[in-house]
Amino acid sequence: MGLKKNLYSIEETERLLSLTANELGLLARDGELKMESMYSAESILEFAKRKKITLAPEAGS
């Protein structure tokens, strides 16, 4: 699930953006994400950049 992968599809990114703060907190056990009710696409992209996670486009797009 989630942060154990190196690549995220567009669908996975959309799923991450819809997670609650508690769910994101469980994914980000290192405590780098602040507890907010929702995260913007920019927040997810910034977190991915810091973690060196590549957000990959869907195959064929």
PDB file of N, CA and C in Angstrom:
ATOM      1  N   MET A   1       0.829  -1.194   0.000  1.00  0.00           N
ATOM      2  CA  MET A   1       0.000   0.000   0.000  1.00  0.00           C
ATOM      3  C   MET A   1       0.867   1.249   0.000  1.00  0.00           C
ATOM      4  N   GLY A   2       0.532   2.200  -0.795  1.00  0.00           N
ATOM      5  CA  GLY A   2       1.047   3.552  -0.694  1.00  0.00           C
ATOM      6  C   GLY A   2       2.548   3.737  -0.771  1.00  0.00           C
ATOM      7  N   LEU A   3       3.111   4.262   0.296  1.00  0.00           N
ATOM      8  CA  LEU A   3       4.469   4.765   0.270  1.00  0.00           C
ATOM      9  C   LEU A   3       5.555   3.706   0.146  1.00  0.00           C
ATOM     10  N   LYS A   4       5.208   2.457   0.130  1.00  0.00           N
ATOM     11  CA  LYS A   4       6.215   1.425  -0.069  1.00  0.00           C
ATOM     12  C   LYS A   4       6.578   1.269  -1.542  1.00  0.00           C
ATOM     13  N   LYS A   5       5.783   1.846  -2.420  1.00  0.00           N
ATOM     14  CA  LYS A   5       6.048   1.772  -3.849  1.00  0.00           C
ATOM     15  C   LYS A   5       6.957   2.925  -4.253  1.00  0.00           C
ATOM     16  N   ASN A   6       7.566   2.807  -5.422  1.00  0.00           N
ATOM     17  CA  ASN A   6       8.354   3.901  -5.970  1.00  0.00           C
ATOM     18  C   ASN A   6       7.595   4.683  -7.030  1.00  0.00           C
ATOM     19  N   LEU A   7       6.593   4.078  -7.639  1.00  0.00           N
ATOM     20  CA  LEU A   7       5.829   4.738  -8.698  1.00  0.00           C
ATOM     21  C   LEU A   7       4.354   4.776  -8.339  1.00  0.00           C
ATOM     22  N   TYR A   8       3.710   5.895  -8.668  1.00  0.00           N
ATOM     23  CA  TYR A   8       2.271   6.019  -8.465  1.00  0.00           C
ATOM     24  C   TYR A   8       1.601   6.291  -9.798  1.00  0.00           C
ATOM     25  N   SER A   9       0.542   5.563 -10.080  1.00  0.00           N
ATOM     26  CA  SER A   9      -0.274   5.866 -11.249  1.00  0.00           C
ATOM     27  C   SER A   9      -1.146   7.077 -10.928  1.00  0.00           C
ATOM     28  N   ILE A  10      -1.778   7.633 -11.936  1.00  0.00           N
ATOM     29  CA  ILE A  10      -2.707   8.741 -11.712  1.00  0.00           C
ATOM     30  C   ILE A  10      -3.823   8.301 -10.773  1.00  0.00           C
ATOM     31  N   GLU A  11      -4.327   7.076 -10.954  1.00  0.00           N
ATOM     32  CA  GLU A  11      -5.385   6.579 -10.068  1.00  0.00           C
ATOM     33  C   GLU A  11      -4.909   6.501  -8.621  1.00  0.00           C
ATOM     34  N   GLU A  12      -3.688   6.017  -8.412  1.00  0.00           N
ATOM     35  CA  GLU A  12      -3.147   5.914  -7.055  1.00  0.00           C
ATOM     36  C   GLU A  12      -2.985   7.303  -6.438  1.00  0.00           C
ATOM     37  N   THR A  13      -2.539   8.264  -7.237  1.00  0.00           N
ATOM     38  CA  THR A  13      -2.394   9.632  -6.740  1.00  0.00           C
ATOM     39  C   THR A  13      -3.748  10.196  -6.335  1.00  0.00           C
ATOM     40  N   GLU A  14      -4.768   9.966  -7.165  1.00  0.00           N
ATOM     41  CA  GLU A  14      -6.111  10.436  -6.827  1.00  0.00           C
ATOM     42  C   GLU A  14      -6.610   9.777  -5.546  1.00  0.00           C
ATOM     43  N   ARG A  15      -6.301   8.496  -5.367  1.00  0.00           N
ATOM     44  CA  ARG A  15      -6.692   7.794  -4.149  1.00  0.00           C
ATOM     45  C   ARG A  15      -5.985   8.405  -2.937  1.00  0.00           C
ATOM     46  N   LEU A  16      -4.702   8.670  -3.067  1.00  0.00           N
ATOM     47  CA  LEU A  16      -3.961   9.287  -1.963  1.00  0.00           C
ATOM     48  C   LEU A  16      -4.542  10.652  -1.603  1.00  0.00           C
ATOM     49  N   LEU A  17      -4.937  11.411  -2.615  1.00  0.00           N
ATOM     50  CA  LEU A  17      -5.491  12.740  -2.363  1.00  0.00           C
ATOM     51  C   LEU A  17      -6.813  12.672  -1.617  1.00  0.00           C
ATOM     52  N   SER A  18      -7.509  11.539  -1.707  1.00  0.00           N
ATOM     53  CA  SER A  18      -8.811  11.417  -1.056  1.00  0.00           C
ATOM     54  C   SER A  18      -8.727  10.834   0.354  1.00  0.00           C
ATOM     55  N   LEU A  19      -7.537  10.446   0.792  1.00  0.00           N
ATOM     56  CA  LEU A  19      -7.397   9.861   2.125  1.00  0.00           C
ATOM     57  C   LEU A  19      -7.669  10.882   3.224  1.00  0.00           C
ATOM     58  N   THR A  20      -8.143  10.405   4.343  1.00  0.00           N
ATOM     59  CA  THR A  20      -8.320  11.281   5.500  1.00  0.00           C
ATOM     60  C   THR A  20      -6.968  11.543   6.152  1.00  0.00           C
ATOM     61  N   ALA A  21      -6.918  12.535   7.009  1.00  0.00           N
ATOM     62  CA  ALA A  21      -5.675  12.864   7.706  1.00  0.00           C
ATOM     63  C   ALA A  21      -5.163  11.672   8.506  1.00  0.00           C
ATOM     64  N   ASN A  22      -6.061  10.932   9.150  1.00  0.00           N
ATOM     65  CA  ASN A  22      -5.634   9.771   9.931  1.00  0.00           C
ATOM     66  C   ASN A  22      -5.002   8.709   9.042  1.00  0.00           C
ATOM     67  N   GLU A  23      -5.613   8.454   7.894  1.00  0.00           N
ATOM     68  CA  GLU A  23      -5.052   7.470   6.966  1.00  0.00           C
ATOM     69  C   GLU A  23      -3.690   7.921   6.446  1.00  0.00           C
ATOM     70  N   LEU A  24      -3.575   9.214   6.113  1.00  0.00           N
ATOM     71  CA  LEU A  24      -2.283   9.728   5.674  1.00  0.00           C
ATOM     72  C   LEU A  24      -1.253   9.626   6.789  1.00  0.00           C
ATOM     73  N   GLY A  25      -1.697   9.860   8.018  1.00  0.00           N
ATOM     74  CA  GLY A  25      -0.792   9.743   9.156  1.00  0.00           C
ATOM     75  C   GLY A  25      -0.236   8.338   9.287  1.00  0.00           C
ATOM     76  N   LEU A  26      -1.068   7.342   9.026  1.00  0.00           N
ATOM     77  CA  LEU A  26      -0.605   5.957   9.080  1.00  0.00           C
ATOM     78  C   LEU A  26       0.394   5.664   7.966  1.00  0.00           C
ATOM     79  N   LEU A  27       0.170   6.261   6.793  1.00  0.00           N
ATOM     80  CA  LEU A  27       1.102   6.064   5.681  1.00  0.00           C
ATOM     81  C   LEU A  27       2.422   6.781   5.930  1.00  0.00           C
ATOM     82  N   ALA A  28       2.359   7.914   6.607  1.00  0.00           N
ATOM     83  CA  ALA A  28       3.545   8.746   6.829  1.00  0.00           C
ATOM     84  C   ALA A  28       3.999   8.627   8.272  1.00  0.00           C
ATOM     85  N   ARG A  29       4.302   7.423   8.688  1.00  0.00           N
ATOM     86  CA  ARG A  29       4.645   7.167  10.078  1.00  0.00           C
ATOM     87  C   ARG A  29       5.866   7.943  10.547  1.00  0.00           C
ATOM     88  N   ASP A  30       6.641   8.478   9.623  1.00  0.00           N
ATOM     89  CA  ASP A  30       7.797   9.272  10.022  1.00  0.00           C
ATOM     90  C   ASP A  30       7.394  10.654  10.529  1.00  0.00           C
ATOM     91  N   GLY A  31       6.113  10.980  10.453  1.00  0.00           N
ATOM     92  CA  GLY A  31       5.616  12.227  11.021  1.00  0.00           C
ATOM     93  C   GLY A  31       5.870  13.467  10.191  1.00  0.00           C
ATOM     94  N   GLU A  32       6.258  13.305   8.920  1.00  0.00           N
ATOM     95  CA  GLU A  32       6.546  14.481   8.104  1.00  0.00           C
ATOM     96  C   GLU A  32       5.293  15.203   7.623  1.00  0.00           C
ATOM     97  N   LEU A  33       4.164  14.489   7.542  1.00  0.00           N
ATOM     98  CA  LEU A  33       2.935  15.143   7.096  1.00  0.00           C
ATOM     99  C   LEU A  33       2.191  15.710   8.294  1.00  0.00           C
ATOM    100  N   LYS A  34       1.751  16.953   8.162  1.00  0.00           N
ATOM    101  CA  LYS A  34       0.940  17.559   9.219  1.00  0.00           C
ATOM    102  C   LYS A  34      -0.453  16.951   9.175  1.00  0.00           C
ATOM    103  N   MET A  35      -1.117  16.929  10.318  1.00  0.00           N
ATOM    104  CA  MET A  35      -2.475  16.407  10.364  1.00  0.00           C
ATOM    105  C   MET A  35      -3.454  17.483   9.890  1.00  0.00           C
ATOM    106  N   GLU A  36      -3.936  17.327   8.689  1.00  0.00           N
ATOM    107  CA  GLU A  36      -4.933  18.220   8.117  1.00  0.00           C
ATOM    108  C   GLU A  36      -6.069  17.336   7.611  1.00  0.00           C
ATOM    109  N   SER A  37      -7.217  17.938   7.368  1.00  0.00           N
ATOM    110  CA  SER A  37      -8.337  17.110   6.939  1.00  0.00           C
ATOM    111  C   SER A  37      -8.162  16.598   5.512  1.00  0.00           C
ATOM    112  N   MET A  38      -7.586  17.400   4.644  1.00  0.00           N
ATOM    113  CA  MET A  38      -7.359  16.975   3.263  1.00  0.00           C
ATOM    114  C   MET A  38      -6.021  17.533   2.799  1.00  0.00           C
ATOM    115  N   TYR A  39      -5.426  16.896   1.818  1.00  0.00           N
ATOM    116  CA  TYR A  39      -4.168  17.356   1.254  1.00  0.00           C
ATOM    117  C   TYR A  39      -4.384  17.736  -0.201  1.00  0.00           C
ATOM    118  N   SER A  40      -3.792  18.864  -0.601  1.00  0.00           N
ATOM    119  CA  SER A  40      -3.889  19.301  -1.988  1.00  0.00           C
ATOM    120  C   SER A  40      -2.938  18.479  -2.856  1.00  0.00           C
ATOM    121  N   ALA A  41      -3.148  18.533  -4.152  1.00  0.00           N
ATOM    122  CA  ALA A  41      -2.241  17.858  -5.081  1.00  0.00           C
ATOM    123  C   ALA A  41      -0.819  18.367  -4.877  1.00  0.00           C
ATOM    124  N   GLU A  42      -0.674  19.673  -4.630  1.00  0.00           N
ATOM    125  CA  GLU A  42       0.647  20.254  -4.416  1.00  0.00           C
ATOM    126  C   GLU A  42       1.322  19.646  -3.190  1.00  0.00           C
ATOM    127  N   SER A  43       0.548  19.417  -2.121  1.00  0.00           N
ATOM    128  CA  SER A  43       1.102  18.811  -0.909  1.00  0.00           C
ATOM    129  C   SER A  43       1.602  17.399  -1.179  1.00  0.00           C
ATOM    130  N   ILE A  44       0.802  16.619  -1.915  1.00  0.00           N
ATOM    131  CA  ILE A  44       1.205  15.250  -2.232  1.00  0.00           C
ATOM    132  C   ILE A  44       2.443  15.258  -3.124  1.00  0.00           C
ATOM    133  N   LEU A  45       2.475  16.143  -4.115  1.00  0.00           N
ATOM    134  CA  LEU A  45       3.632  16.216  -5.005  1.00  0.00           C
ATOM    135  C   LEU A  45       4.889  16.633  -4.248  1.00  0.00           C
ATOM    136  N   GLU A  46       4.759  17.588  -3.336  1.00  0.00           N
ATOM    137  CA  GLU A  46       5.901  18.032  -2.535  1.00  0.00           C
ATOM    138  C   GLU A  46       6.398  16.900  -1.639  1.00  0.00           C
ATOM    139  N   PHE A  47       5.482  16.170  -1.002  1.00  0.00           N
ATOM    140  CA  PHE A  47       5.865  15.035  -0.167  1.00  0.00           C
ATOM    141  C   PHE A  47       6.578  13.978  -1.016  1.00  0.00           C
ATOM    142  N   ALA A  48       6.015  13.687  -2.194  1.00  0.00           N
ATOM    143  CA  ALA A  48       6.624  12.696  -3.085  1.00  0.00           C
ATOM    144  C   ALA A  48       8.031  13.125  -3.482  1.00  0.00           C
ATOM    145  N   LYS A  49       8.205  14.418  -3.765  1.00  0.00           N
ATOM    146  CA  LYS A  49       9.517  14.930  -4.147  1.00  0.00           C
ATOM    147  C   LYS A  49      10.517  14.756  -3.007  1.00  0.00           C
ATOM    148  N   ARG A  50      10.106  15.083  -1.785  1.00  0.00           N
ATOM    149  CA  ARG A  50      11.000  14.933  -0.629  1.00  0.00           C
ATOM    150  C   ARG A  50      11.365  13.476  -0.398  1.00  0.00           C
ATOM    151  N   LYS A  51      10.426  12.575  -0.655  1.00  0.00           N
ATOM    152  CA  LYS A  51      10.659  11.147  -0.442  1.00  0.00           C
ATOM    153  C   LYS A  51      11.263  10.469  -1.670  1.00  0.00           C
ATOM    154  N   LYS A  52      11.506  11.257  -2.730  1.00  0.00           N
ATOM    155  CA  LYS A  52      12.037  10.727  -3.985  1.00  0.00           C
ATOM    156  C   LYS A  52      11.136   9.631  -4.565  1.00  0.00           C
ATOM    157  N   ILE A  53       9.831   9.872  -4.497  1.00  0.00           N
ATOM    158  CA  ILE A  53       8.832   8.980  -5.084  1.00  0.00           C
ATOM    159  C   ILE A  53       8.451   9.569  -6.437  1.00  0.00           C
ATOM    160  N   THR A  54       8.472   8.764  -7.477  1.00  0.00           N
ATOM    161  CA  THR A  54       8.109   9.233  -8.810  1.00  0.00           C
ATOM    162  C   THR A  54       6.625   9.006  -9.047  1.00  0.00           C
ATOM    163  N   LEU A  55       5.916  10.074  -9.410  1.00  0.00           N
ATOM    164  CA  LEU A  55       4.507   9.956  -9.775  1.00  0.00           C
ATOM    165  C   LEU A  55       4.454   9.722 -11.283  1.00  0.00           C
ATOM    166  N   ALA A  56       4.078   8.517 -11.667  1.00  0.00           N
ATOM    167  CA  ALA A  56       4.108   8.134 -13.073  1.00  0.00           C
ATOM    168  C   ALA A  56       2.747   8.334 -13.724  1.00  0.00           C
ATOM    169  N   PRO A  57       2.736   8.820 -14.975  1.00  0.00           N
ATOM    170  CA  PRO A  57       1.456   8.913 -15.686  1.00  0.00           C
ATOM    171  C   PRO A  57       0.920   7.518 -15.985  1.00  0.00           C
ATOM    172  N   GLU A  58      -0.374   7.452 -16.277  1.00  0.00           N
ATOM    173  CA  GLU A  58      -0.982   6.170 -16.649  1.00  0.00           C
ATOM    174  C   GLU A  58      -0.315   5.633 -17.909  1.00  0.00           C
ATOM    175  N   ALA A  59      -0.256   4.337 -18.037  1.00  0.00           N
ATOM    176  CA  ALA A  59       0.265   3.727 -19.258  1.00  0.00           C
ATOM    177  C   ALA A  59      -0.621   4.131 -20.427  1.00  0.00           C
ATOM    178  N   GLY A  60       0.014   4.548 -21.518  1.00  0.00           N
ATOM    179  CA  GLY A  60      -0.747   4.914 -22.699  1.00  0.00           C
ATOM    180  C   GLY A  60      -1.252   6.335 -22.713  1.00  0.00           C
ATOM    181  N   SER A  61      -0.899   7.147 -21.702  1.00  0.00           N
ATOM    182  CA  SER A  61      -1.373   8.535 -21.730  1.00  0.00           C
ATOM    183  C   SER A  61      -0.277   9.472 -22.177  1.00  0.00           C
TER     184      SER A  61
END
